[in-house]
């Protein structure tokens, strides 16, 4: 199986192109990255993750965060190798470059679609969508998800680590 046909990357494409849920793109992208190249921050998959992070920041008018993420993403996706197969790489880089310009000029958020060109990848995405219908989400929640989601498990984990460090 081509690595871009992995279910987590298929979810990434759907979250990006259909739902515009860039936070979830980050979540599934990071889960996939940690399973194949943990700690390799130069891996091309991190370029996809940074692209989603850039979109999330831009939507929330965090221009400095968006700019940093897009610049890092562009470098990795420009040299993405098999991690950009099935996409119009030239168009993808042009979209990221355009986002960099728009963010630099403080233009309002303008979503775009990932330019998938592989018929097999398109069919895989469509098949996944048919088997896993999208539940409509509140746009406000999607925009501010990192603040509005249930973080109790994260907070509990941090408290456990703190207690362990105090015991040592």
Protein backbone atom coordinates (compact mmCIF):
# COMPACT_ATOMS: atom_id res chain seq x y z
CA UNK A 1 0.00 0.00 0.00
CA UNK A 2 1.23 3.46 -0.89
CA UNK A 3 1.80 5.45 2.34
CA UNK A 4 -0.67 8.13 1.23
CA UNK A 5 -3.39 5.47 1.05
CA UNK A 6 -3.06 4.80 4.78
CA UNK A 7 -6.41 5.36 6.54
CA UNK A 8 -4.97 8.16 8.69
CA UNK A 9 -3.78 10.08 5.63
CA UNK A 10 -7.11 9.48 3.90
CA UNK A 11 -8.75 11.02 6.97
CA UNK A 12 -6.29 13.93 6.69
CA UNK A 13 -7.43 14.61 3.12
CA UNK A 14 -11.11 14.44 4.10
CA UNK A 15 -10.65 16.71 7.12
CA UNK A 16 -8.77 19.20 4.92
CA UNK A 17 -10.81 19.19 1.72
CA UNK A 18 -14.31 18.36 2.91
CA UNK A 19 -14.62 19.45 6.53
CA UNK A 20 -12.03 22.25 6.63
CA UNK A 21 -11.20 20.84 10.09
CA UNK A 22 -7.49 21.60 10.19
CA UNK A 23 -7.18 20.72 13.87
CA UNK A 24 -8.25 17.15 13.10
CA UNK A 25 -5.83 17.11 10.16
CA UNK A 26 -3.09 17.84 12.68
CA UNK A 27 -4.34 15.14 15.04
CA UNK A 28 -4.53 12.31 12.48
CA UNK A 29 -1.38 13.50 10.71
CA UNK A 30 0.58 13.49 13.95
CA UNK A 31 -0.75 10.05 14.89
CA UNK A 32 0.40 8.70 11.52
CA UNK A 33 3.77 10.46 11.73
CA UNK A 34 4.43 9.08 15.23
CA UNK A 35 3.69 5.57 13.98
CA UNK A 36 6.20 5.73 11.10
CA UNK A 37 8.85 8.38 11.84
CA UNK A 38 8.66 9.45 15.48
CA UNK A 39 10.90 12.37 16.32
CA UNK A 40 11.95 12.86 12.66
CA UNK A 41 10.87 16.49 12.35
CA UNK A 42 12.24 16.66 8.81
CA UNK A 43 10.00 13.86 7.53
CA UNK A 44 7.81 15.03 4.62
CA UNK A 45 4.67 14.01 6.51
CA UNK A 46 5.42 16.84 8.93
CA UNK A 47 5.06 19.19 5.95
CA UNK A 48 1.44 18.09 5.58
CA UNK A 49 0.88 18.54 9.31
CA UNK A 50 2.41 22.02 9.23
CA UNK A 51 0.21 22.92 6.27
CA UNK A 52 -2.87 22.06 8.33
CA UNK A 53 -1.51 23.97 11.34
CA UNK A 54 -0.92 26.98 9.10
CA UNK A 55 -4.52 26.84 7.88
CA UNK A 56 -5.79 26.55 11.46
CA UNK A 57 -3.76 29.58 12.57
CA UNK A 58 -4.68 31.63 9.51
CA UNK A 59 -8.40 31.00 10.05
CA UNK A 60 -7.99 32.29 13.61
CA UNK A 61 -6.01 35.36 12.40
CA UNK A 62 -2.82 34.16 14.06
CA UNK A 63 -0.72 35.46 11.19
CA UNK A 64 2.74 34.88 12.75
CA UNK A 65 1.88 31.26 13.59
CA UNK A 66 0.40 30.67 10.16
CA UNK A 67 3.40 32.16 8.40
CA UNK A 68 5.92 30.01 10.33
CA UNK A 69 3.89 26.88 9.64
CA UNK A 70 3.43 27.58 5.92
CA UNK A 71 7.12 28.35 5.37
CA UNK A 72 8.16 25.10 7.07
CA UNK A 73 5.50 23.18 5.18
CA UNK A 74 6.54 24.53 1.79
CA UNK A 75 10.16 23.43 2.23
CA UNK A 76 9.17 19.88 3.17
CA UNK A 77 6.45 19.46 0.54
CA UNK A 78 8.68 20.87 -2.23
CA UNK A 79 11.05 17.97 -1.58
CA UNK A 80 8.35 15.50 -0.54
CA UNK A 81 9.21 12.60 -2.82
CA UNK A 82 6.69 9.79 -2.56
CA UNK A 83 4.84 11.82 0.11
CA UNK A 84 3.43 14.09 -2.58
CA UNK A 85 2.79 11.43 -5.23
CA UNK A 86 -0.81 11.57 -6.34
CA UNK A 87 -0.95 15.33 -5.89
CA UNK A 88 -0.25 18.12 -8.35
CA UNK A 89 2.93 19.11 -6.54
CA UNK A 90 3.47 22.28 -8.57
CA UNK A 91 -0.06 23.47 -7.77
CA UNK A 92 0.33 22.45 -4.12
CA UNK A 93 3.49 24.54 -3.76
CA UNK A 94 1.78 27.44 -5.56
CA UNK A 95 -1.13 27.22 -3.10
CA UNK A 96 1.23 27.27 -0.12
CA UNK A 97 3.17 30.16 -1.67
CA UNK A 98 -0.07 32.04 -2.19
CA UNK A 99 -1.03 31.41 1.43
CA UNK A 100 2.36 32.75 2.54
CA UNK A 101 1.77 35.93 0.51
CA UNK A 102 -1.79 36.35 1.81
CA UNK A 103 -0.76 35.82 5.42
CA UNK A 104 2.17 38.22 5.01
CA UNK A 105 -0.28 40.81 3.67
CA UNK A 106 -2.71 40.03 6.52
CA UNK A 107 -5.45 39.02 4.09
CA UNK A 108 -8.50 37.21 5.45
CA UNK A 109 -8.52 33.42 5.58
CA UNK A 110 -9.16 31.75 2.24
CA UNK A 111 -9.42 27.95 2.26
CA UNK A 112 -8.19 25.86 -0.64
CA UNK A 113 -8.39 22.22 -1.69
CA UNK A 114 -5.47 19.83 -1.71
CA UNK A 115 -4.91 19.12 -5.43
CA UNK A 116 -5.35 15.35 -5.52
CA UNK A 117 -4.65 14.00 -9.01
CA UNK A 118 -4.34 10.24 -8.47
CA UNK A 119 -7.50 8.44 -9.54
CA UNK A 120 -6.68 5.64 -7.08
CA UNK A 121 -6.29 8.12 -4.22
CA UNK A 122 -9.55 9.87 -5.14
CA UNK A 123 -11.36 6.50 -5.20
CA UNK A 124 -9.84 5.55 -1.83
CA UNK A 125 -11.03 8.86 -0.33
CA UNK A 126 -14.52 8.39 -1.80
CA UNK A 127 -14.72 4.80 -0.55
CA UNK A 128 -13.65 5.87 2.94
CA UNK A 129 -16.22 8.68 2.94
CA UNK A 130 -18.99 6.31 1.88
CA UNK A 131 -18.15 3.96 4.75
CA UNK A 132 -17.64 6.81 7.26
CA UNK A 133 -20.15 9.60 6.63
CA UNK A 134 -19.16 13.04 7.88
CA UNK A 135 -21.14 14.43 10.80
CA UNK A 136 -21.66 18.16 10.34
CA UNK A 137 -19.89 20.20 13.02
CA UNK A 138 -20.42 23.70 14.26
CA UNK A 139 -18.04 26.02 12.35
CA UNK A 140 -17.29 27.98 15.55
CA UNK A 141 -16.25 24.76 17.30
CA UNK A 142 -14.04 23.73 14.36
CA UNK A 143 -12.38 27.16 14.36
CA UNK A 144 -11.62 27.14 18.09
CA UNK A 145 -11.35 23.39 18.70
CA UNK A 146 -8.05 23.48 20.59
CA UNK A 147 -9.70 25.61 23.28
CA UNK A 148 -13.18 24.10 23.30
CA UNK A 149 -12.45 20.37 23.27
CA UNK A 150 -12.45 18.23 26.38
CA UNK A 151 -8.90 18.43 27.72
CA UNK A 152 -9.44 16.55 31.00
CA UNK A 153 -7.29 13.56 29.93
CA UNK A 154 -4.42 15.88 28.95
CA UNK A 155 -4.67 17.78 32.24
CA UNK A 156 -4.78 14.53 34.25
CA UNK A 157 -1.70 13.21 32.44
CA UNK A 158 0.22 16.42 33.18
CA UNK A 159 -0.76 16.22 36.86
CA UNK A 160 0.44 12.60 37.04
CA UNK A 161 3.78 13.56 35.50
CA UNK A 162 4.13 16.46 37.93
CA UNK A 163 3.48 14.18 40.91
CA UNK A 164 6.01 11.65 39.61
CA UNK A 165 8.64 14.35 39.21
CA UNK A 166 8.00 15.61 42.74
CA UNK A 167 8.40 12.10 44.13
CA UNK A 168 11.82 11.67 42.52
